[in-house]
Amino acid sequence: MTMSPTRIFIVDDHPLVISGIESMLIDCHDKVISGVAVDGAEAWRNITILNGQLDILIVDIEMDGMDGFELCSKVKDQYPEIKILFLSMHDEVYYVKKAIECEADGYMLKICDKYEFIRGLNALIENGCYFACKILPIIKQMKQLDKSTNNQNLTDRETEVLRLILQEMTSKEIAEQLFISKQTVDTHRINIMRKTHSKSIVGLLKYAIQHNLVK
């Protein structure tokens, strides 16, 4: 059975950036560009016209009017199934932290080349979450957001499983590494999601950052 192509929408206030992304994707027959916009407000109008029938939203942060963060929050509230990838020139803690708080699914820098961009996009499609290698050290710099809250909510084993989940390991791989059954790992996953009030791996990443669990 032929898989439907990944539907992508691009939002950036620099037409040259949009053209660059389009050119990088021109040979990717498993991906199709469903639309483009030069600001958040225009993007939101088009996304609602499409009734959220998109897979990935590639968005810049700083734009006139509705910026990328506001657009991300609106999309996640109305169409949570759409994956959001920030493509930005900013590599400061504030921007990465804000992106995660807005429940973005990925973050890449505009200095990346074509191959890194395609690789990151494919990782986002396959794993549901992708943060570029150059962003990971920034995440490590983040301070605990609520110093009055410790990690007593999760057991030691659940914390161990959480860290392996964030390494994009499957339940089977985690079971093999910890010498426990896959069913036990699945139970831990359910408990972790419930205790952390997370709905996705991005939510788990946000929790891990808040509690200094990111290695």
N, C-alpha and C. Protein backbone atom coordinates (compact mmCIF):
# COMPACT_ATOMS: atom_id res chain seq x y z
N MET A 1 0.84 -1.19 0.00
CA MET A 1 0.00 0.00 0.00
C MET A 1 0.89 1.25 0.00
N THR A 2 0.59 2.19 -0.87
CA THR A 2 1.37 3.42 -0.98
C THR A 2 1.04 4.36 0.16
N MET A 3 2.08 4.85 0.83
CA MET A 3 1.90 5.77 1.95
C MET A 3 1.63 7.17 1.42
N SER A 4 0.75 7.89 2.08
CA SER A 4 0.47 9.27 1.69
C SER A 4 1.68 10.13 2.04
N PRO A 5 2.00 11.12 1.20
CA PRO A 5 3.15 11.98 1.50
C PRO A 5 2.89 12.84 2.73
N THR A 6 3.96 13.19 3.42
CA THR A 6 3.87 14.07 4.58
C THR A 6 3.52 15.48 4.12
N ARG A 7 2.49 16.06 4.69
CA ARG A 7 2.00 17.38 4.30
C ARG A 7 2.67 18.45 5.16
N ILE A 8 3.36 19.38 4.51
CA ILE A 8 4.17 20.37 5.21
C ILE A 8 3.69 21.79 4.89
N PHE A 9 3.65 22.62 5.91
CA PHE A 9 3.31 24.04 5.74
C PHE A 9 4.48 24.85 6.28
N ILE A 10 4.92 25.87 5.52
CA ILE A 10 6.09 26.67 5.88
C ILE A 10 5.66 28.10 6.24
N VAL A 11 6.20 28.60 7.37
CA VAL A 11 5.90 29.97 7.79
C VAL A 11 7.20 30.70 8.09
N ASP A 12 7.49 31.74 7.31
CA ASP A 12 8.70 32.54 7.54
C ASP A 12 8.50 33.90 6.87
N ASP A 13 8.98 34.95 7.54
CA ASP A 13 8.78 36.29 6.97
C ASP A 13 9.84 36.66 5.94
N HIS A 14 10.72 35.71 5.60
CA HIS A 14 11.70 35.93 4.55
C HIS A 14 11.40 34.99 3.38
N PRO A 15 10.88 35.52 2.28
CA PRO A 15 10.55 34.68 1.12
C PRO A 15 11.73 33.83 0.65
N LEU A 16 12.95 34.34 0.84
CA LEU A 16 14.13 33.60 0.42
C LEU A 16 14.28 32.31 1.23
N VAL A 17 13.93 32.36 2.51
CA VAL A 17 14.00 31.17 3.35
C VAL A 17 12.96 30.15 2.89
N ILE A 18 11.76 30.63 2.59
CA ILE A 18 10.71 29.73 2.09
C ILE A 18 11.16 29.06 0.81
N SER A 19 11.73 29.85 -0.11
CA SER A 19 12.21 29.28 -1.38
C SER A 19 13.30 28.25 -1.14
N GLY A 20 14.18 28.53 -0.16
CA GLY A 20 15.25 27.60 0.16
C GLY A 20 14.72 26.27 0.67
N ILE A 21 13.72 26.32 1.54
CA ILE A 21 13.13 25.08 2.06
C ILE A 21 12.43 24.33 0.93
N GLU A 22 11.72 25.06 0.09
CA GLU A 22 11.03 24.42 -1.04
C GLU A 22 12.02 23.70 -1.95
N SER A 23 13.17 24.34 -2.20
CA SER A 23 14.17 23.73 -3.08
C SER A 23 14.80 22.49 -2.44
N MET A 24 14.94 22.51 -1.10
CA MET A 24 15.50 21.34 -0.42
C MET A 24 14.55 20.15 -0.46
N LEU A 25 13.26 20.43 -0.54
CA LEU A 25 12.27 19.37 -0.50
C LEU A 25 11.79 18.94 -1.88
N ILE A 26 12.29 19.59 -2.91
CA ILE A 26 11.77 19.34 -4.26
C ILE A 26 11.97 17.90 -4.72
N ASP A 27 13.05 17.26 -4.25
CA ASP A 27 13.32 15.88 -4.64
C ASP A 27 12.80 14.86 -3.64
N CYS A 28 12.16 15.34 -2.59
CA CYS A 28 11.62 14.44 -1.56
C CYS A 28 10.18 14.09 -1.93
N HIS A 29 10.01 13.00 -2.66
CA HIS A 29 8.69 12.65 -3.17
C HIS A 29 7.75 12.13 -2.09
N ASP A 30 8.29 11.88 -0.89
CA ASP A 30 7.44 11.44 0.21
C ASP A 30 6.94 12.62 1.04
N LYS A 31 7.22 13.82 0.54
CA LYS A 31 6.78 15.04 1.24
C LYS A 31 6.17 16.01 0.24
N VAL A 32 5.13 16.72 0.67
CA VAL A 32 4.48 17.69 -0.20
C VAL A 32 4.24 18.97 0.58
N ILE A 33 4.48 20.12 -0.05
CA ILE A 33 4.25 21.41 0.60
C ILE A 33 2.80 21.81 0.36
N SER A 34 2.03 21.88 1.45
CA SER A 34 0.60 22.17 1.36
C SER A 34 0.30 23.66 1.38
N GLY A 35 1.30 24.48 1.75
CA GLY A 35 1.09 25.91 1.77
C GLY A 35 2.25 26.64 2.41
N VAL A 36 2.28 27.95 2.21
CA VAL A 36 3.30 28.80 2.81
C VAL A 36 2.64 30.09 3.29
N ALA A 37 3.30 30.77 4.24
CA ALA A 37 2.81 32.05 4.74
C ALA A 37 4.00 32.86 5.23
N VAL A 38 3.85 34.19 5.21
CA VAL A 38 4.96 35.06 5.61
C VAL A 38 4.79 35.62 7.02
N ASP A 39 3.69 35.27 7.70
CA ASP A 39 3.53 35.67 9.10
C ASP A 39 2.55 34.73 9.78
N GLY A 40 2.49 34.81 11.12
CA GLY A 40 1.65 33.90 11.87
C GLY A 40 0.17 34.01 11.59
N ALA A 41 -0.31 35.25 11.44
CA ALA A 41 -1.73 35.46 11.20
C ALA A 41 -2.17 34.83 9.87
N GLU A 42 -1.37 35.04 8.84
CA GLU A 42 -1.70 34.45 7.53
C GLU A 42 -1.65 32.93 7.62
N ALA A 43 -0.66 32.42 8.32
CA ALA A 43 -0.55 30.97 8.48
C ALA A 43 -1.77 30.40 9.20
N TRP A 44 -2.19 31.05 10.27
CA TRP A 44 -3.33 30.57 11.03
C TRP A 44 -4.60 30.56 10.19
N ARG A 45 -4.80 31.60 9.37
CA ARG A 45 -5.98 31.63 8.49
C ARG A 45 -5.96 30.44 7.54
N ASN A 46 -4.81 30.17 6.96
CA ASN A 46 -4.71 29.06 5.99
C ASN A 46 -4.84 27.70 6.66
N ILE A 47 -4.29 27.58 7.86
CA ILE A 47 -4.39 26.30 8.57
C ILE A 47 -5.85 26.00 8.92
N THR A 48 -6.60 27.02 9.32
CA THR A 48 -8.01 26.81 9.63
C THR A 48 -8.81 26.50 8.36
N ILE A 49 -8.43 27.12 7.25
CA ILE A 49 -9.10 26.81 5.97
C ILE A 49 -8.85 25.35 5.60
N LEU A 50 -7.64 24.88 5.87
CA LEU A 50 -7.29 23.48 5.60
C LEU A 50 -7.84 22.55 6.67
N ASN A 51 -8.47 23.15 7.69
CA ASN A 51 -9.04 22.38 8.81
C ASN A 51 -7.98 21.51 9.48
N GLY A 52 -6.77 22.04 9.54
CA GLY A 52 -5.70 21.32 10.23
C GLY A 52 -5.19 20.09 9.52
N GLN A 53 -5.55 19.94 8.24
CA GLN A 53 -5.12 18.76 7.50
C GLN A 53 -3.66 18.89 7.07
N LEU A 54 -2.78 18.90 8.06
CA LEU A 54 -1.34 19.01 7.86
C LEU A 54 -0.64 18.03 8.78
N ASP A 55 0.60 17.72 8.45
CA ASP A 55 1.40 16.84 9.30
C ASP A 55 2.48 17.62 10.05
N ILE A 56 3.13 18.55 9.34
CA ILE A 56 4.23 19.30 9.95
C ILE A 56 4.12 20.79 9.61
N LEU A 57 4.33 21.61 10.62
CA LEU A 57 4.39 23.06 10.43
C LEU A 57 5.82 23.50 10.73
N ILE A 58 6.51 24.02 9.71
CA ILE A 58 7.86 24.55 9.88
C ILE A 58 7.72 26.06 10.07
N VAL A 59 8.15 26.58 11.21
CA VAL A 59 7.84 27.97 11.51
C VAL A 59 9.04 28.71 12.10
N ASP A 60 9.18 29.97 11.68
CA ASP A 60 10.17 30.87 12.25
C ASP A 60 9.62 31.40 13.58
N ILE A 61 10.48 32.02 14.38
CA ILE A 61 10.03 32.55 15.67
C ILE A 61 9.61 34.02 15.56
N GLU A 62 10.53 34.87 15.15
CA GLU A 62 10.27 36.31 15.13
C GLU A 62 9.62 36.74 13.82
N MET A 63 8.35 37.14 13.92
CA MET A 63 7.60 37.63 12.76
C MET A 63 6.69 38.76 13.24
N ASP A 64 6.35 39.66 12.34
CA ASP A 64 5.45 40.75 12.69
C ASP A 64 4.08 40.20 13.06
N GLY A 65 3.41 40.89 13.97
CA GLY A 65 2.08 40.45 14.38
C GLY A 65 2.17 39.21 15.25
N MET A 66 1.53 38.15 14.82
CA MET A 66 1.57 36.89 15.54
C MET A 66 2.90 36.19 15.32
N ASP A 67 3.69 36.03 16.39
CA ASP A 67 4.99 35.39 16.21
C ASP A 67 4.87 33.87 16.23
N GLY A 68 6.00 33.19 16.10
CA GLY A 68 5.98 31.74 16.03
C GLY A 68 5.47 31.07 17.29
N PHE A 69 5.80 31.64 18.45
CA PHE A 69 5.35 31.05 19.71
C PHE A 69 3.83 31.11 19.83
N GLU A 70 3.25 32.26 19.50
CA GLU A 70 1.80 32.40 19.59
C GLU A 70 1.11 31.46 18.60
N LEU A 71 1.68 31.37 17.40
CA LEU A 71 1.10 30.47 16.39
C LEU A 71 1.19 29.02 16.87
N CYS A 72 2.32 28.65 17.44
CA CYS A 72 2.51 27.30 17.94
C CYS A 72 1.46 26.96 19.00
N SER A 73 1.23 27.87 19.92
CA SER A 73 0.26 27.64 20.99
C SER A 73 -1.15 27.48 20.44
N LYS A 74 -1.52 28.30 19.46
CA LYS A 74 -2.85 28.22 18.86
C LYS A 74 -3.03 26.91 18.11
N VAL A 75 -2.01 26.52 17.36
CA VAL A 75 -2.10 25.27 16.59
C VAL A 75 -2.19 24.08 17.52
N LYS A 76 -1.36 24.04 18.57
CA LYS A 76 -1.37 22.91 19.48
C LYS A 76 -2.68 22.82 20.25
N ASP A 77 -3.31 23.96 20.49
CA ASP A 77 -4.59 23.97 21.19
C ASP A 77 -5.71 23.45 20.31
N GLN A 78 -5.68 23.84 19.03
CA GLN A 78 -6.77 23.47 18.12
C GLN A 78 -6.49 22.20 17.33
N TYR A 79 -5.21 22.01 16.93
CA TYR A 79 -4.84 20.85 16.11
C TYR A 79 -3.59 20.18 16.69
N PRO A 80 -3.71 19.53 17.85
CA PRO A 80 -2.54 18.97 18.55
C PRO A 80 -1.79 17.90 17.77
N GLU A 81 -2.45 17.32 16.76
CA GLU A 81 -1.79 16.26 16.00
C GLU A 81 -0.74 16.80 15.03
N ILE A 82 -0.77 18.10 14.74
CA ILE A 82 0.22 18.70 13.83
C ILE A 82 1.55 18.82 14.57
N LYS A 83 2.62 18.32 13.95
CA LYS A 83 3.95 18.45 14.53
C LYS A 83 4.53 19.81 14.15
N ILE A 84 5.12 20.48 15.13
CA ILE A 84 5.65 21.83 14.89
C ILE A 84 7.16 21.83 15.04
N LEU A 85 7.83 22.27 13.99
CA LEU A 85 9.29 22.36 13.97
C LEU A 85 9.70 23.82 13.86
N PHE A 86 10.36 24.34 14.89
CA PHE A 86 10.90 25.68 14.80
C PHE A 86 12.21 25.66 14.03
N LEU A 87 12.32 26.54 13.05
CA LEU A 87 13.55 26.72 12.28
C LEU A 87 13.96 28.16 12.50
N SER A 88 14.98 28.36 13.32
CA SER A 88 15.29 29.71 13.79
C SER A 88 16.79 30.00 13.72
N MET A 89 17.12 31.27 13.77
CA MET A 89 18.51 31.68 13.85
C MET A 89 18.96 31.79 15.31
N HIS A 90 18.02 31.69 16.25
CA HIS A 90 18.32 31.90 17.68
C HIS A 90 18.75 30.60 18.35
N ASP A 91 19.86 30.66 19.05
CA ASP A 91 20.34 29.51 19.79
C ASP A 91 20.52 29.83 21.28
N GLU A 92 19.72 30.79 21.78
CA GLU A 92 19.77 31.15 23.18
C GLU A 92 18.79 30.31 24.00
N VAL A 93 19.10 30.15 25.28
CA VAL A 93 18.27 29.34 26.17
C VAL A 93 16.82 29.81 26.17
N TYR A 94 16.62 31.13 26.20
CA TYR A 94 15.25 31.67 26.28
C TYR A 94 14.37 31.12 25.16
N TYR A 95 14.86 31.15 23.93
CA TYR A 95 14.06 30.74 22.78
C TYR A 95 13.77 29.24 22.79
N VAL A 96 14.78 28.43 23.13
CA VAL A 96 14.59 26.99 23.16
C VAL A 96 13.61 26.61 24.28
N LYS A 97 13.80 27.23 25.45
CA LYS A 97 12.91 26.97 26.57
C LYS A 97 11.47 27.36 26.24
N LYS A 98 11.30 28.52 25.61
CA LYS A 98 9.97 28.99 25.23
C LYS A 98 9.33 28.04 24.22
N ALA A 99 10.12 27.54 23.29
CA ALA A 99 9.60 26.60 22.28
C ALA A 99 9.07 25.34 22.94
N ILE A 100 9.82 24.82 23.90
CA ILE A 100 9.39 23.61 24.60
C ILE A 100 8.13 23.88 25.42
N GLU A 101 8.07 25.04 26.05
CA GLU A 101 6.89 25.41 26.83
C GLU A 101 5.65 25.53 25.94
N CYS A 102 5.86 25.90 24.67
CA CYS A 102 4.75 26.00 23.71
C CYS A 102 4.40 24.64 23.11
N GLU A 103 5.10 23.58 23.57
CA GLU A 103 4.86 22.21 23.11
C GLU A 103 5.28 21.98 21.68
N ALA A 104 6.32 22.69 21.23
CA ALA A 104 6.88 22.42 19.90
C ALA A 104 7.48 21.02 19.90
N ASP A 105 7.49 20.39 18.73
CA ASP A 105 7.99 19.02 18.61
C ASP A 105 9.44 18.96 18.15
N GLY A 106 9.99 20.11 17.75
CA GLY A 106 11.37 20.12 17.29
C GLY A 106 11.92 21.52 17.16
N TYR A 107 13.25 21.58 17.09
CA TYR A 107 13.92 22.89 16.98
C TYR A 107 15.22 22.68 16.21
N MET A 108 15.39 23.44 15.13
CA MET A 108 16.60 23.39 14.33
C MET A 108 17.07 24.82 14.06
N LEU A 109 18.34 24.95 13.74
CA LEU A 109 18.91 26.26 13.44
C LEU A 109 19.02 26.47 11.93
N LYS A 110 18.87 27.72 11.51
CA LYS A 110 18.91 28.03 10.09
C LYS A 110 20.31 27.87 9.48
N ILE A 111 21.31 27.68 10.32
CA ILE A 111 22.66 27.47 9.78
C ILE A 111 22.88 26.03 9.32
N CYS A 112 21.88 25.16 9.53
CA CYS A 112 22.04 23.76 9.12
C CYS A 112 22.08 23.67 7.60
N ASP A 113 22.73 22.62 7.10
CA ASP A 113 22.76 22.41 5.65
C ASP A 113 21.59 21.52 5.23
N LYS A 114 21.49 21.28 3.93
CA LYS A 114 20.37 20.52 3.38
C LYS A 114 20.27 19.14 3.99
N TYR A 115 21.41 18.46 4.13
CA TYR A 115 21.39 17.07 4.59
C TYR A 115 20.97 16.98 6.06
N GLU A 116 21.44 17.92 6.87
CA GLU A 116 21.04 17.94 8.27
C GLU A 116 19.55 18.26 8.39
N PHE A 117 19.07 19.18 7.56
CA PHE A 117 17.67 19.57 7.59
C PHE A 117 16.77 18.38 7.23
N ILE A 118 17.09 17.69 6.15
CA ILE A 118 16.29 16.53 5.73
C ILE A 118 16.36 15.42 6.78
N ARG A 119 17.55 15.20 7.33
CA ARG A 119 17.71 14.18 8.36
C ARG A 119 16.86 14.50 9.59
N GLY A 120 16.86 15.77 10.00
CA GLY A 120 16.06 16.18 11.14
C GLY A 120 14.57 16.07 10.88
N LEU A 121 14.17 16.44 9.66
CA LEU A 121 12.76 16.36 9.28
C LEU A 121 12.29 14.90 9.30
N ASN A 122 13.13 14.01 8.78
CA ASN A 122 12.78 12.59 8.78
C ASN A 122 12.70 12.04 10.19
N ALA A 123 13.60 12.49 11.06
CA ALA A 123 13.57 12.04 12.46
C ALA A 123 12.29 12.50 13.14
N LEU A 124 11.86 13.72 12.84
CA LEU A 124 10.62 14.24 13.40
C LEU A 124 9.44 13.40 12.93
N ILE A 125 9.43 13.04 11.66
CA ILE A 125 8.35 12.24 11.10
C ILE A 125 8.32 10.84 11.74
N GLU A 126 9.50 10.25 11.88
CA GLU A 126 9.58 8.88 12.38
C GLU A 126 9.41 8.78 13.89
N ASN A 127 9.98 9.74 14.63
CA ASN A 127 10.00 9.64 16.09
C ASN A 127 9.05 10.60 16.79
N GLY A 128 8.51 11.57 16.05
CA GLY A 128 7.58 12.52 16.65
C GLY A 128 8.23 13.64 17.41
N CYS A 129 9.58 13.69 17.40
CA CYS A 129 10.28 14.71 18.17
C CYS A 129 11.71 14.80 17.63
N TYR A 130 12.21 16.03 17.43
CA TYR A 130 13.61 16.18 17.01
C TYR A 130 14.17 17.53 17.43
N PHE A 131 15.26 17.50 18.16
CA PHE A 131 16.00 18.70 18.53
C PHE A 131 17.43 18.53 18.03
N ALA A 132 17.88 19.48 17.23
CA ALA A 132 19.19 19.39 16.58
C ALA A 132 20.31 19.24 17.61
N CYS A 133 21.40 18.62 17.18
CA CYS A 133 22.54 18.38 18.06
C CYS A 133 23.05 19.68 18.69
N LYS A 134 23.00 20.77 17.95
CA LYS A 134 23.49 22.04 18.48
C LYS A 134 22.53 22.64 19.50
N ILE A 135 21.32 22.11 19.57
CA ILE A 135 20.35 22.59 20.54
C ILE A 135 20.46 21.82 21.86
N LEU A 136 20.94 20.59 21.81
CA LEU A 136 21.02 19.76 23.01
C LEU A 136 21.87 20.38 24.12
N PRO A 137 23.05 20.98 23.81
CA PRO A 137 23.81 21.63 24.89
C PRO A 137 23.04 22.79 25.53
N ILE A 138 22.20 23.44 24.74
CA ILE A 138 21.39 24.55 25.27
C ILE A 138 20.37 24.01 26.26
N ILE A 139 19.77 22.87 25.92
CA ILE A 139 18.81 22.25 26.81
C ILE A 139 19.48 21.87 28.13
N LYS A 140 20.71 21.40 28.03
CA LYS A 140 21.44 21.02 29.24
C LYS A 140 21.71 22.22 30.16
N GLN A 141 21.75 23.41 29.57
CA GLN A 141 22.02 24.61 30.36
C GLN A 141 20.80 25.11 31.15
N MET A 142 19.66 24.59 30.78
CA MET A 142 18.45 25.10 31.40
C MET A 142 18.40 24.79 32.90
N LYS A 143 17.99 25.78 33.66
CA LYS A 143 17.88 25.62 35.09
C LYS A 143 16.56 24.95 35.44
N GLN A 144 16.48 24.41 36.61
CA GLN A 144 15.23 23.82 37.09
C GLN A 144 14.20 24.93 37.19
N LEU A 145 13.04 24.74 36.55
CA LEU A 145 12.04 25.79 36.47
C LEU A 145 11.30 26.01 37.79
N ASP A 146 11.15 24.96 38.55
CA ASP A 146 10.48 25.11 39.84
C ASP A 146 11.34 24.46 40.90
N LYS A 147 12.17 25.26 41.59
CA LYS A 147 13.14 24.73 42.53
C LYS A 147 12.47 24.15 43.78
N SER A 148 11.23 24.50 44.00
CA SER A 148 10.54 23.98 45.17
C SER A 148 9.99 22.58 44.95
N THR A 149 10.05 22.11 43.70
CA THR A 149 9.51 20.79 43.36
C THR A 149 10.66 19.84 43.11
N ASN A 150 10.66 18.68 43.77
CA ASN A 150 11.70 17.70 43.51
C ASN A 150 11.12 16.55 42.70
N ASN A 151 11.88 15.46 42.56
CA ASN A 151 11.47 14.37 41.68
C ASN A 151 10.88 13.20 42.44
N GLN A 152 10.22 13.46 43.57
CA GLN A 152 9.67 12.39 44.37
C GLN A 152 8.46 11.74 43.70
N ASN A 153 7.93 12.39 42.67
CA ASN A 153 6.74 11.87 42.00
C ASN A 153 7.01 10.56 41.27
N LEU A 154 8.22 10.41 40.72
CA LEU A 154 8.59 9.20 39.99
C LEU A 154 9.48 8.31 40.85
N THR A 155 9.30 7.00 40.70
CA THR A 155 10.20 6.07 41.37
C THR A 155 11.55 6.06 40.64
N ASP A 156 12.55 5.45 41.27
CA ASP A 156 13.88 5.37 40.63
C ASP A 156 13.80 4.63 39.31
N ARG A 157 13.02 3.55 39.27
CA ARG A 157 12.89 2.77 38.03
C ARG A 157 12.18 3.58 36.96
N GLU A 158 11.13 4.30 37.34
CA GLU A 158 10.41 5.13 36.37
C GLU A 158 11.30 6.23 35.83
N THR A 159 12.14 6.80 36.68
CA THR A 159 13.08 7.82 36.23
C THR A 159 14.07 7.23 35.23
N GLU A 160 14.51 6.01 35.51
CA GLU A 160 15.44 5.32 34.61
C GLU A 160 14.78 5.06 33.26
N VAL A 161 13.54 4.60 33.29
CA VAL A 161 12.80 4.35 32.05
C VAL A 161 12.57 5.65 31.29
N LEU A 162 12.25 6.72 32.01
CA LEU A 162 12.03 8.02 31.37
C LEU A 162 13.27 8.45 30.60
N ARG A 163 14.43 8.33 31.21
CA ARG A 163 15.66 8.75 30.53
C ARG A 163 15.90 7.93 29.26
N LEU A 164 15.56 6.65 29.28
CA LEU A 164 15.73 5.81 28.10
C LEU A 164 14.70 6.16 27.02
N ILE A 165 13.50 6.51 27.44
CA ILE A 165 12.48 6.95 26.48
C ILE A 165 12.97 8.19 25.74
N LEU A 166 13.60 9.12 26.48
CA LEU A 166 14.10 10.36 25.87
C LEU A 166 15.29 10.11 24.96
N GLN A 167 15.87 8.90 25.04
CA GLN A 167 16.92 8.50 24.10
C GLN A 167 16.31 7.81 22.88
N GLU A 168 14.97 7.88 22.78
CA GLU A 168 14.20 7.36 21.65
C GLU A 168 14.28 5.84 21.54
N MET A 169 14.44 5.17 22.69
CA MET A 169 14.45 3.72 22.71
C MET A 169 13.03 3.19 22.76
N THR A 170 12.78 2.07 22.09
CA THR A 170 11.47 1.44 22.10
C THR A 170 11.30 0.67 23.41
N SER A 171 10.06 0.25 23.68
CA SER A 171 9.80 -0.53 24.89
C SER A 171 10.60 -1.83 24.89
N LYS A 172 10.73 -2.45 23.71
CA LYS A 172 11.49 -3.69 23.60
C LYS A 172 12.96 -3.45 23.92
N GLU A 173 13.53 -2.36 23.39
CA GLU A 173 14.94 -2.05 23.64
C GLU A 173 15.18 -1.73 25.11
N ILE A 174 14.23 -1.00 25.72
CA ILE A 174 14.36 -0.67 27.15
C ILE A 174 14.29 -1.94 27.99
N ALA A 175 13.36 -2.84 27.62
CA ALA A 175 13.22 -4.10 28.36
C ALA A 175 14.51 -4.91 28.32
N GLU A 176 15.13 -4.97 27.14
CA GLU A 176 16.37 -5.73 26.99
C GLU A 176 17.50 -5.11 27.80
N GLN A 177 17.56 -3.77 27.83
CA GLN A 177 18.64 -3.11 28.56
C GLN A 177 18.47 -3.26 30.07
N LEU A 178 17.23 -3.22 30.55
CA LEU A 178 16.98 -3.27 31.99
C LEU A 178 16.68 -4.68 32.49
N PHE A 179 16.63 -5.66 31.56
CA PHE A 179 16.36 -7.05 31.91
C PHE A 179 15.01 -7.21 32.59
N ILE A 180 14.03 -6.56 32.00
CA ILE A 180 12.65 -6.70 32.47
C ILE A 180 11.78 -6.98 31.26
N SER A 181 10.52 -7.30 31.49
CA SER A 181 9.63 -7.62 30.37
C SER A 181 9.14 -6.36 29.67
N LYS A 182 8.77 -6.52 28.40
CA LYS A 182 8.21 -5.40 27.64
C LYS A 182 6.91 -4.92 28.28
N GLN A 183 6.13 -5.85 28.82
CA GLN A 183 4.88 -5.48 29.47
C GLN A 183 5.14 -4.59 30.68
N THR A 184 6.20 -4.87 31.43
CA THR A 184 6.56 -4.04 32.57
C THR A 184 6.95 -2.64 32.13
N VAL A 185 7.71 -2.57 31.01
CA VAL A 185 8.10 -1.27 30.47
C VAL A 185 6.87 -0.48 30.05
N ASP A 186 5.93 -1.14 29.39
CA ASP A 186 4.70 -0.46 28.95
C ASP A 186 3.91 0.08 30.15
N THR A 187 3.91 -0.70 31.24
CA THR A 187 3.24 -0.24 32.47
C THR A 187 3.94 1.00 33.02
N HIS A 188 5.28 0.97 33.02
CA HIS A 188 6.04 2.14 33.48
C HIS A 188 5.73 3.35 32.60
N ARG A 189 5.63 3.15 31.29
CA ARG A 189 5.33 4.26 30.36
C ARG A 189 3.99 4.90 30.73
N ILE A 190 2.99 4.06 30.96
CA ILE A 190 1.66 4.56 31.31
C ILE A 190 1.71 5.37 32.60
N ASN A 191 2.40 4.83 33.61
CA ASN A 191 2.51 5.52 34.89
C ASN A 191 3.28 6.83 34.78
N ILE A 192 4.34 6.83 33.96
CA ILE A 192 5.15 8.03 33.76
C ILE A 192 4.32 9.13 33.10
N MET A 193 3.58 8.76 32.05
CA MET A 193 2.74 9.74 31.35
C MET A 193 1.68 10.30 32.30
N ARG A 194 1.11 9.44 33.14
CA ARG A 194 0.06 9.88 34.07
C ARG A 194 0.64 10.80 35.14
N LYS A 195 1.75 10.40 35.73
CA LYS A 195 2.34 11.17 36.82
C LYS A 195 2.88 12.52 36.37
N THR A 196 3.39 12.57 35.14
CA THR A 196 3.98 13.82 34.64
C THR A 196 2.97 14.66 33.89
N HIS A 197 1.73 14.15 33.76
CA HIS A 197 0.67 14.87 33.05
C HIS A 197 1.12 15.18 31.61
N SER A 198 1.80 14.23 30.99
CA SER A 198 2.31 14.41 29.63
C SER A 198 1.45 13.65 28.62
N LYS A 199 1.38 14.20 27.43
CA LYS A 199 0.63 13.55 26.36
C LYS A 199 1.53 13.09 25.22
N SER A 200 2.80 13.48 25.27
CA SER A 200 3.73 13.14 24.20
C SER A 200 5.15 13.14 24.73
N ILE A 201 6.10 12.75 23.88
CA ILE A 201 7.50 12.75 24.27
C ILE A 201 7.99 14.17 24.54
N VAL A 202 7.38 15.16 23.87
CA VAL A 202 7.74 16.56 24.14
C VAL A 202 7.36 16.93 25.57
N GLY A 203 6.20 16.48 26.03
CA GLY A 203 5.79 16.73 27.40
C GLY A 203 6.75 16.08 28.39
N LEU A 204 7.22 14.88 28.05
CA LEU A 204 8.19 14.20 28.91
C LEU A 204 9.52 14.96 28.94
N LEU A 205 9.92 15.48 27.77
CA LEU A 205 11.16 16.25 27.71
C LEU A 205 11.04 17.50 28.58
N LYS A 206 9.90 18.16 28.51
CA LYS A 206 9.68 19.36 29.32
C LYS A 206 9.76 19.01 30.81
N TYR A 207 9.15 17.89 31.21
CA TYR A 207 9.20 17.46 32.60
C TYR A 207 10.64 17.16 33.01
N ALA A 208 11.39 16.48 32.14
CA ALA A 208 12.77 16.13 32.45
C ALA A 208 13.63 17.37 32.65
N ILE A 209 13.39 18.39 31.83
CA ILE A 209 14.14 19.64 31.96
C ILE A 209 13.80 20.33 33.27
N GLN A 210 12.52 20.34 33.61
CA GLN A 210 12.08 21.00 34.84
C GLN A 210 12.69 20.36 36.08
N HIS A 211 12.96 19.05 35.98
CA HIS A 211 13.45 18.32 37.15
C HIS A 211 14.90 17.87 37.00
N ASN A 212 15.62 18.53 36.10
CA ASN A 212 17.06 18.27 35.93
C ASN A 212 17.37 16.80 35.66
N LEU A 213 16.56 16.18 34.81
CA LEU A 213 16.77 14.76 34.48
C LEU A 213 17.46 14.59 33.15
N VAL A 214 17.65 15.68 32.39
CA VAL A 214 18.27 15.59 31.08
C VAL A 214 19.77 15.43 31.26
N LYS A 215 20.31 14.36 30.70
CA LYS A 215 21.73 14.08 30.81
C LYS A 215 22.45 14.61 29.60
